[in-house]
Amino acid sequence: MNAEIIAVGTELLLGDIVNTNAQYLSQELALLGINVYRHTVIGDNLERLQAALGEAYSRCDLVITTGGLGPTADDITKDAVAAYFGLQMRLDEPSLEQIASFFTRIGSEMTENNRRQAIIPEGALILDNPVGTAPGCTVEANGKICILLPGPPREMIRMFNSHVTSYLHKFSNDILVSRVLRLVGIGESAMEAQIADILAAQTNPTVAPYALGRPGEVVLRISAKAADESAAKALIKPVANALYERLGDYIYGEDDDSLPAVVVAALKRRGMTVATAESITGGMLSAAIVSVSGASQVFNEGYVTYSNDAKIRQLGVSPDTLAKYGAVSEQVAMDMAAGAAKAAGADIAISTTGIAGPDGGSAEKPVGLTYIGLCYNGKLSAKKFILFGGRNRIRDRAVAHALDMLRREVSADGK
């Protein structure tokens, strides 16, 4: 079955609200084996919404709408759907009772316009809304299906999970199962070059690379269609194994894993403690580590030493080293890590120093130049990076590379 999603609301077109509903619905429909081919956003206009329905149904059999089920005159989704299918609108007494009960429960008086929310296209299947006032509904007519869901994400998600998932199961013979591999330390283009033959040969499962919002990271999503979950996982396994053979050093986790959580877990397994010494990242690295529950078992102390004086006072960096090499240098990065490890009594320490910009760069030391230092049981090392993007993106990428260095050092298997 092919589907399209129509989000209704002028506030979406104006950019006042982000359309997270479409993202959620696409993910859930994919798991049901239903293909989503298009997202549409329409303002609160009856004629345009009817036209959008006609266009959608020329391409698919299922349309899911979100929004436009409220009590005001510009909430026109039900009217547009009824008009498109040639259905009359009728008052659904059980829905009206539930709406009245909702207002009684919250200690508020129901206004007359809320009655409008209980007026439903004739023959529709009512979808209860336990956390709001707007009931949803499902309309089946002329071989087409329209599912009307409320706009507030909390209400939409609850209604979809409670009613729509089970309703749609009967229209899908296959399910879609996905397995996500999360990578760090390699760019999307370099990753694709290493697995070009795997990408070219894909059928079922499919392999799709994404750059999904976490700076310095990329992901590979392996998706398989099959009759059940176990069959889909069996299709995915050999493809995942092949990707691990090519990219294993870069794969830090799967599915919902996060890089900070993987690092903290590795430190716990090894019974190790860590300290941070930050200049360019200004506390972002330590914040990433302590965002993980249980980080207190492994994180000793963090030092934000933005000025040269702070590097000298708190970390014992030599003034001569600063004068000779500059604060953004391999030597200072290693001295910072060594000083943090000593001051905190940590098994391992990681440091960051660099030029985030937009000012402060030079031909010799451009904006984005970053050094990350590591001190592990007294052994010092440092890596040089040229990072790109705006100031905050450079700093985010520095955090990702620092966590990756920690991961590689403390993970016995390198993954």
Protein backbone atom coordinates (compact mmCIF):
# COMPACT_ATOMS: atom_id res chain seq x y z
CA MET A 1 0.00 0.00 0.00
CA ASN A 2 1.18 3.51 -0.84
CA ALA A 3 0.39 6.48 1.39
CA GLU A 4 0.72 10.23 1.53
CA ILE A 5 0.66 12.52 4.55
CA ILE A 6 -1.10 15.88 4.50
CA ALA A 7 -0.42 18.25 7.39
CA VAL A 8 -2.98 21.00 7.79
CA GLY A 9 -2.27 24.35 9.39
CA THR A 10 -1.18 27.81 8.32
CA GLU A 11 1.20 27.88 11.29
CA LEU A 12 3.18 25.10 9.60
CA LEU A 13 3.49 27.06 6.37
CA LEU A 14 4.66 30.13 8.28
CA GLY A 15 7.33 28.11 10.04
CA ASP A 16 5.90 28.78 13.48
CA ILE A 17 5.67 25.02 14.11
CA VAL A 18 7.97 22.26 12.87
CA ASN A 19 6.16 19.37 11.18
CA THR A 20 7.37 16.56 13.43
CA ASN A 21 4.12 14.66 12.86
CA ALA A 22 5.08 13.77 9.29
CA GLN A 23 8.45 12.45 10.43
CA TYR A 24 6.85 10.26 13.09
CA LEU A 25 4.16 8.92 10.77
CA SER A 26 6.65 8.10 8.01
CA GLN A 27 8.76 6.10 10.43
CA GLU A 28 5.78 4.20 11.80
CA LEU A 29 4.26 3.50 8.38
CA ALA A 30 7.60 2.17 7.14
CA LEU A 31 7.61 -0.32 10.00
CA LEU A 32 4.19 -1.49 8.81
CA GLY A 33 5.50 -2.00 5.27
CA ILE A 34 3.49 0.95 3.91
CA ASN A 35 5.32 3.17 1.44
CA VAL A 36 5.14 6.94 1.98
CA TYR A 37 5.75 8.79 -1.28
CA ARG A 38 4.93 12.37 -0.45
CA HIS A 39 4.43 14.91 2.37
CA THR A 40 2.16 17.90 1.76
CA VAL A 41 1.51 20.93 3.95
CA ILE A 42 -1.68 22.93 3.36
CA GLY A 43 -2.87 26.07 5.12
CA ASP A 44 -6.31 26.41 6.66
CA ASN A 45 -8.10 26.68 3.31
CA LEU A 46 -10.97 24.39 2.38
CA GLU A 47 -10.58 24.55 -1.41
CA ARG A 48 -6.82 23.98 -1.34
CA LEU A 49 -7.18 21.04 1.01
CA GLN A 50 -9.81 19.43 -1.24
CA ALA A 51 -7.49 19.91 -4.22
CA ALA A 52 -4.61 18.37 -2.26
CA LEU A 53 -6.75 15.35 -1.43
CA GLY A 54 -7.60 14.88 -5.10
CA GLU A 55 -3.93 15.06 -6.11
CA ALA A 56 -2.91 12.62 -3.38
CA TYR A 57 -5.58 10.07 -4.27
CA SER A 58 -4.51 10.17 -7.91
CA ARG A 59 -1.26 8.58 -6.71
CA CYS A 60 -2.16 6.51 -3.65
CA ASP A 61 -4.90 4.71 -1.76
CA LEU A 62 -4.21 5.98 1.77
CA VAL A 63 -4.01 9.56 3.02
CA ILE A 64 -3.31 10.46 6.64
CA THR A 65 -4.05 14.03 7.69
CA THR A 66 -2.88 15.76 10.83
CA GLY A 67 -4.37 18.97 12.19
CA GLY A 68 -7.50 20.93 11.47
CA LEU A 69 -9.74 19.06 13.93
CA GLY A 70 -10.11 21.87 16.46
CA PRO A 71 -13.20 23.83 17.48
CA THR A 72 -12.66 27.03 15.44
CA ALA A 73 -13.93 28.01 12.01
CA ASP A 74 -10.49 27.54 10.40
CA ASP A 75 -10.37 23.87 11.45
CA ILE A 76 -11.60 22.52 8.13
CA THR A 77 -10.09 19.05 7.68
CA LYS A 78 -13.25 17.04 8.37
CA ASP A 79 -15.31 19.34 6.13
CA ALA A 80 -12.81 18.99 3.28
CA VAL A 81 -12.68 15.20 3.55
CA ALA A 82 -16.48 14.92 3.71
CA ALA A 83 -16.84 17.18 0.68
CA TYR A 84 -14.23 15.24 -1.28
CA PHE A 85 -16.01 11.91 -0.67
CA GLY A 86 -19.51 13.41 -0.98
CA LEU A 87 -20.46 12.60 2.62
CA GLN A 88 -22.79 14.42 4.98
CA MET A 89 -21.57 15.64 8.38
CA ARG A 90 -23.36 14.39 11.51
CA LEU A 91 -23.12 14.88 15.24
CA ASP A 92 -21.66 11.88 17.05
CA GLU A 93 -23.24 11.86 20.50
CA PRO A 94 -20.64 9.56 22.17
CA SER A 95 -17.88 11.90 20.99
CA LEU A 96 -19.76 14.91 22.34
CA GLU A 97 -20.12 13.17 25.70
CA GLN A 98 -16.38 12.45 25.80
CA ILE A 99 -15.57 16.06 24.99
CA ALA A 100 -17.86 17.29 27.76
CA SER A 101 -16.34 14.76 30.14
CA PHE A 102 -12.85 16.04 29.28
CA PHE A 103 -13.76 19.59 30.29
CA THR A 104 -15.41 18.37 33.48
CA ARG A 105 -12.27 16.42 34.34
CA ILE A 106 -10.01 19.47 33.98
CA GLY A 107 -12.48 21.71 35.83
CA SER A 108 -13.30 23.95 32.87
CA GLU A 109 -16.51 24.86 31.09
CA MET A 110 -17.06 23.54 27.57
CA THR A 111 -17.86 26.31 25.12
CA GLU A 112 -20.38 25.90 22.32
CA ASN A 113 -17.76 25.76 19.60
CA ASN A 114 -16.29 22.58 21.09
CA ARG A 115 -19.49 20.88 19.95
CA ARG A 116 -18.11 21.31 16.44
CA GLN A 117 -15.41 18.75 17.21
CA ALA A 118 -18.03 16.02 17.62
CA ILE A 119 -19.42 16.56 14.10
CA ILE A 120 -17.99 13.75 11.97
CA PRO A 121 -18.34 12.60 8.33
CA GLU A 122 -21.14 10.02 8.09
CA GLY A 123 -20.01 6.42 8.25
CA ALA A 124 -16.62 7.28 9.71
CA LEU A 125 -14.95 5.10 12.30
CA ILE A 126 -14.38 7.23 15.41
CA LEU A 127 -10.90 7.27 16.99
CA ASP A 128 -11.07 8.24 20.66
CA ASN A 129 -8.76 10.94 21.98
CA PRO A 130 -8.05 10.29 25.67
CA VAL A 131 -5.63 13.22 26.04
CA GLY A 132 -7.44 15.97 24.13
CA THR A 133 -10.80 17.16 22.88
CA ALA A 134 -10.59 16.36 19.15
CA PRO A 135 -11.61 12.82 18.17
CA GLY A 136 -10.03 11.44 15.04
CA CYS A 137 -11.75 9.25 12.48
CA THR A 138 -11.20 6.91 9.57
CA VAL A 139 -13.13 7.24 6.33
CA GLU A 140 -13.30 4.44 3.76
CA ALA A 141 -15.04 5.28 0.48
CA ASN A 142 -14.61 4.58 -3.23
CA GLY A 143 -11.68 2.24 -2.58
CA LYS A 144 -9.76 4.98 -0.77
CA ILE A 145 -8.93 5.49 2.90
CA CYS A 146 -8.47 8.73 4.83
CA ILE A 147 -7.31 8.75 8.44
CA LEU A 148 -7.82 12.07 10.24
CA LEU A 149 -5.57 12.67 13.25
CA PRO A 150 -5.23 15.71 15.55
CA GLY A 151 -2.35 18.14 15.14
CA PRO A 152 -0.80 18.28 18.64
CA PRO A 153 1.95 15.61 18.55
CA ARG A 154 1.08 14.23 21.98
CA GLU A 155 -2.50 13.57 20.87
CA MET A 156 -1.55 12.37 17.40
CA ILE A 157 1.03 9.84 18.62
CA ARG A 158 -1.30 8.45 21.30
CA MET A 159 -4.14 8.05 18.79
CA PHE A 160 -1.94 6.47 16.15
CA ASN A 161 -0.49 3.93 18.57
CA SER A 162 -3.85 3.13 20.19
CA HIS A 163 -6.01 2.83 17.08
CA VAL A 164 -4.30 3.28 13.73
CA THR A 165 -1.49 0.74 13.94
CA SER A 166 -3.86 -2.18 14.47
CA TYR A 167 -6.23 -0.83 11.81
CA LEU A 168 -3.46 -0.65 9.18
CA HIS A 169 -2.02 -4.09 9.87
CA LYS A 170 -4.73 -5.68 7.73
CA PHE A 171 -3.55 -3.75 4.66
CA SER A 172 0.08 -4.84 4.83
CA ASN A 173 1.46 -8.28 4.02
CA ASP A 174 5.07 -7.38 4.87
CA ILE A 175 6.75 -5.44 7.61
CA LEU A 176 9.86 -3.29 7.38
CA VAL A 177 12.66 -3.82 9.90
CA SER A 178 15.65 -1.50 10.09
CA ARG A 179 19.05 -1.74 11.74
CA VAL A 180 21.10 1.43 12.09
CA LEU A 181 24.90 1.43 12.21
CA ARG A 182 26.38 4.60 13.75
CA LEU A 183 29.81 5.78 12.62
CA VAL A 184 32.24 8.46 13.73
CA GLY A 185 35.59 9.61 12.41
CA ILE A 186 34.73 9.18 8.73
CA GLY A 187 32.83 11.48 6.38
CA GLU A 188 29.79 10.41 4.39
CA SER A 189 31.57 10.54 1.01
CA ALA A 190 34.57 8.56 2.27
CA MET A 191 32.24 6.00 3.81
CA GLU A 192 30.31 5.61 0.56
CA ALA A 193 33.55 5.11 -1.39
CA GLN A 194 34.47 2.17 0.84
CA ILE A 195 31.14 0.41 0.35
CA ALA A 196 30.23 1.51 -3.20
CA ASP A 197 29.79 -2.07 -4.43
CA ILE A 198 27.48 -2.94 -1.53
CA LEU A 199 25.34 0.14 -2.23
CA ALA A 200 25.23 -0.66 -5.96
CA ALA A 201 24.12 -4.27 -5.38
CA GLN A 202 21.37 -3.55 -2.85
CA THR A 203 17.84 -4.83 -3.41
CA ASN A 204 16.29 -6.23 -0.26
CA PRO A 205 17.73 -5.27 2.20
CA THR A 206 18.45 -1.71 1.17
CA VAL A 207 21.38 0.25 2.57
CA ALA A 208 21.05 4.02 2.91
CA PRO A 209 23.68 6.45 4.23
CA TYR A 210 22.53 9.49 6.21
CA ALA A 211 24.09 12.42 7.98
CA LEU A 212 21.60 12.75 10.83
CA GLY A 213 22.23 15.83 12.85
CA ARG A 214 25.01 14.69 15.18
CA PRO A 215 28.11 16.60 14.03
CA GLY A 216 31.00 14.35 13.15
CA GLU A 217 28.78 11.29 12.78
CA VAL A 218 27.11 9.46 9.90
CA VAL A 219 24.76 6.50 9.90
CA LEU A 220 23.92 3.57 7.67
CA ARG A 221 20.35 2.32 7.78
CA ILE A 222 19.85 -1.28 6.64
CA SER A 223 16.17 -2.01 5.94
CA ALA A 224 14.52 -5.28 4.94
CA LYS A 225 10.96 -6.18 4.04
CA ALA A 226 9.69 -9.59 5.04
CA ALA A 227 6.65 -11.41 6.35
CA ASP A 228 7.81 -11.14 9.95
CA GLU A 229 10.54 -9.61 12.09
CA SER A 230 12.73 -12.69 12.33
CA ALA A 231 12.78 -13.16 8.56
CA ALA A 232 13.67 -9.49 8.06
CA LYS A 233 16.49 -9.70 10.60
CA ALA A 234 17.85 -12.78 8.82
CA LEU A 235 18.03 -10.78 5.59
CA ILE A 236 19.79 -7.89 7.34
CA LYS A 237 22.45 -9.93 9.16
CA PRO A 238 24.82 -10.80 6.25
CA VAL A 239 24.68 -7.24 4.95
CA ALA A 240 25.50 -5.85 8.39
CA ASN A 241 28.38 -8.31 8.69
CA ALA A 242 29.79 -7.15 5.36
CA LEU A 243 29.58 -3.51 6.47
CA TYR A 244 31.35 -4.32 9.73
CA GLU A 245 34.16 -5.96 7.75
CA ARG A 246 34.66 -2.75 5.74
CA LEU A 247 33.91 -0.10 8.34
CA GLY A 248 34.32 -1.76 11.73
CA ASP A 249 36.89 0.72 13.08
CA TYR A 250 34.44 3.55 12.50
CA ILE A 251 31.26 1.87 13.78
CA TYR A 252 30.78 2.85 17.40
CA GLY A 253 27.24 1.58 17.97
CA GLU A 254 23.83 0.74 16.59
CA ASP A 255 20.24 1.96 16.63
CA ASP A 256 19.72 4.31 19.63
CA ASP A 257 23.32 4.25 20.87
CA SER A 258 25.04 7.59 21.45
CA LEU A 259 28.77 8.21 21.35
CA PRO A 260 28.97 9.59 24.93
CA ALA A 261 27.05 6.58 26.25
CA VAL A 262 29.32 4.14 24.42
CA VAL A 263 32.40 5.88 25.87
CA VAL A 264 31.03 5.86 29.41
CA ALA A 265 30.10 2.18 29.11
CA ALA A 266 33.59 1.33 27.88
CA LEU A 267 35.18 3.21 30.78
CA LYS A 268 32.95 1.35 33.22
CA ARG A 269 33.89 -2.02 31.71
CA ARG A 270 37.57 -1.21 32.09
CA GLY A 271 37.17 0.26 35.59
CA MET A 272 38.79 3.50 34.38
CA THR A 273 38.31 7.15 35.28
CA VAL A 274 38.57 10.11 32.92
CA ALA A 275 39.25 13.84 33.18
CA THR A 276 38.86 16.56 30.57
CA ALA A 277 40.88 19.67 29.76
CA GLU A 278 39.09 22.00 27.37
CA SER A 279 39.87 25.19 25.54
CA ILE A 280 38.04 25.32 22.19
CA THR A 281 35.10 23.25 23.45
CA GLY A 282 34.64 25.29 26.62
CA GLY A 283 33.00 22.57 28.70
CA MET A 284 31.03 20.89 25.91
CA LEU A 285 33.10 17.70 26.12
CA SER A 286 32.56 17.24 29.84
CA ALA A 287 28.88 18.11 29.38
CA ALA A 288 28.57 15.35 26.76
CA ILE A 289 30.08 12.82 29.15
CA VAL A 290 27.93 13.79 32.14
CA SER A 291 24.80 13.74 29.98
CA VAL A 292 25.01 9.95 30.38
CA SER A 293 23.38 8.45 33.45
CA GLY A 294 26.02 6.87 35.66
CA ALA A 295 28.85 9.05 34.36
CA SER A 296 29.77 9.87 37.97
CA GLN A 297 31.34 6.41 38.21
CA VAL A 298 33.97 7.30 35.61
CA PHE A 299 34.21 11.09 35.35
CA ASN A 300 36.56 12.70 37.87
CA GLU A 301 36.95 16.35 36.98
CA GLY A 302 36.81 18.72 34.06
CA TYR A 303 38.92 21.82 33.48
CA VAL A 304 37.91 24.67 31.20
CA THR A 305 41.14 26.54 30.55
CA TYR A 306 40.33 29.05 27.86
CA SER A 307 43.17 31.48 28.53
CA ASN A 308 46.89 30.76 28.54
CA ASP A 309 47.03 31.81 32.18
CA ALA A 310 44.41 29.18 33.08
CA LYS A 311 46.35 26.52 31.22
CA ILE A 312 49.43 27.40 33.25
CA ARG A 313 47.69 27.71 36.64
CA GLN A 314 45.29 24.76 36.49
CA LEU A 315 47.10 22.29 34.24
CA GLY A 316 50.76 23.14 34.66
CA VAL A 317 51.32 23.88 30.98
CA SER A 318 54.78 25.38 30.57
CA PRO A 319 54.89 29.09 29.69
CA ASP A 320 57.87 28.30 27.46
CA THR A 321 55.82 25.72 25.54
CA LEU A 322 53.02 28.22 25.04
CA ALA A 323 55.48 30.89 23.89
CA LYS A 324 57.28 28.56 21.49
CA TYR A 325 54.36 26.63 19.93
CA GLY A 326 51.25 28.65 20.77
CA ALA A 327 48.11 27.54 22.58
CA VAL A 328 46.81 25.75 19.49
CA SER A 329 49.49 23.13 19.07
CA GLU A 330 50.19 19.45 19.51
CA GLN A 331 52.59 20.15 22.37
CA VAL A 332 50.08 22.20 24.38
CA ALA A 333 47.30 19.66 23.75
CA MET A 334 49.47 16.91 25.23
CA ASP A 335 50.55 19.07 28.17
CA MET A 336 46.90 19.90 28.90
CA ALA A 337 45.96 16.21 28.94
CA ALA A 338 48.90 15.33 31.15
CA GLY A 339 48.07 18.14 33.56
CA ALA A 340 44.41 17.11 33.78
CA ALA A 341 45.28 13.47 34.43
CA LYS A 342 47.69 14.45 37.20
CA ALA A 343 45.44 17.04 38.83
CA ALA A 344 42.37 14.77 38.80
CA GLY A 345 44.16 11.50 39.50
CA ALA A 346 42.46 10.01 36.44
CA ASP A 347 43.49 6.96 34.44
CA ILE A 348 42.95 8.81 31.18
CA ALA A 349 42.55 12.46 30.22
CA ILE A 350 41.49 14.11 26.99
CA SER A 351 42.14 17.72 25.93
CA THR A 352 40.92 20.07 23.21
CA THR A 353 42.53 23.22 21.86
CA GLY A 354 41.82 24.98 18.59
CA ILE A 355 40.50 27.96 16.65
CA ALA A 356 36.71 28.01 16.39
CA GLY A 357 36.51 31.30 14.49
CA PRO A 358 35.20 33.17 12.74
CA ASP A 359 38.17 35.35 13.77
CA GLY A 360 41.62 34.40 14.99
CA GLY A 361 42.82 32.26 12.10
CA SER A 362 45.93 32.76 10.00
CA ALA A 363 47.60 31.13 7.00
CA GLU A 364 49.69 29.01 9.35
CA LYS A 365 46.85 28.25 11.77
CA PRO A 366 43.50 28.52 9.98
CA VAL A 367 40.04 28.61 11.53
CA GLY A 368 39.07 25.02 12.32
CA LEU A 369 42.56 23.90 13.27
CA THR A 370 42.12 21.69 16.33
CA TYR A 371 44.42 19.48 18.37
CA ILE A 372 43.10 16.78 20.68
CA GLY A 373 45.49 15.45 23.28
CA LEU A 374 45.38 12.19 25.18
CA CYS A 375 47.17 11.01 28.30
CA TYR A 376 46.76 7.34 29.18
CA ASN A 377 48.82 5.89 32.01
CA GLY A 378 51.42 8.55 31.41
CA LYS A 379 51.64 7.95 27.64
CA LEU A 380 51.00 11.11 25.63
CA SER A 381 49.61 11.47 22.11
CA ALA A 382 47.80 14.09 20.05
CA LYS A 383 45.95 14.32 16.75
CA LYS A 384 45.52 17.26 14.42
CA PHE A 385 42.19 18.06 12.75
CA ILE A 386 41.07 20.73 10.29
CA LEU A 387 37.36 21.09 11.03
CA PHE A 388 34.86 23.04 8.96
CA GLY A 389 31.59 24.87 9.48
CA GLY A 390 30.51 27.73 11.71
CA ARG A 391 31.90 28.33 15.17
CA ASN A 392 29.54 26.04 17.05
CA ARG A 393 29.71 23.29 14.42
CA ILE A 394 33.50 23.26 14.68
CA ARG A 395 33.22 22.94 18.45
CA ASP A 396 30.64 20.15 18.12
CA ARG A 397 32.91 18.27 15.74
CA ALA A 398 35.83 18.67 18.14
CA VAL A 399 33.73 17.00 20.85
CA ALA A 400 32.89 14.11 18.52
CA HIS A 401 36.54 13.55 17.62
CA ALA A 402 37.60 13.73 21.27
CA LEU A 403 34.99 11.14 22.26
CA ASP A 404 36.08 8.96 19.35
CA MET A 405 39.70 9.07 20.54
CA LEU A 406 38.54 8.03 23.99
CA ARG A 407 36.42 5.24 22.53
CA ARG A 408 39.27 3.81 20.52
CA GLU A 409 41.67 3.97 23.47
CA VAL A 410 39.47 2.36 26.10
CA SER A 411 37.51 -0.16 24.01
CA ALA A 412 39.39 -3.41 23.90
CA ASP A 413 37.71 -4.49 20.65
CA GLY A 414 37.87 -1.04 19.03
CA LYS A 415 34.11 -0.90 18.44
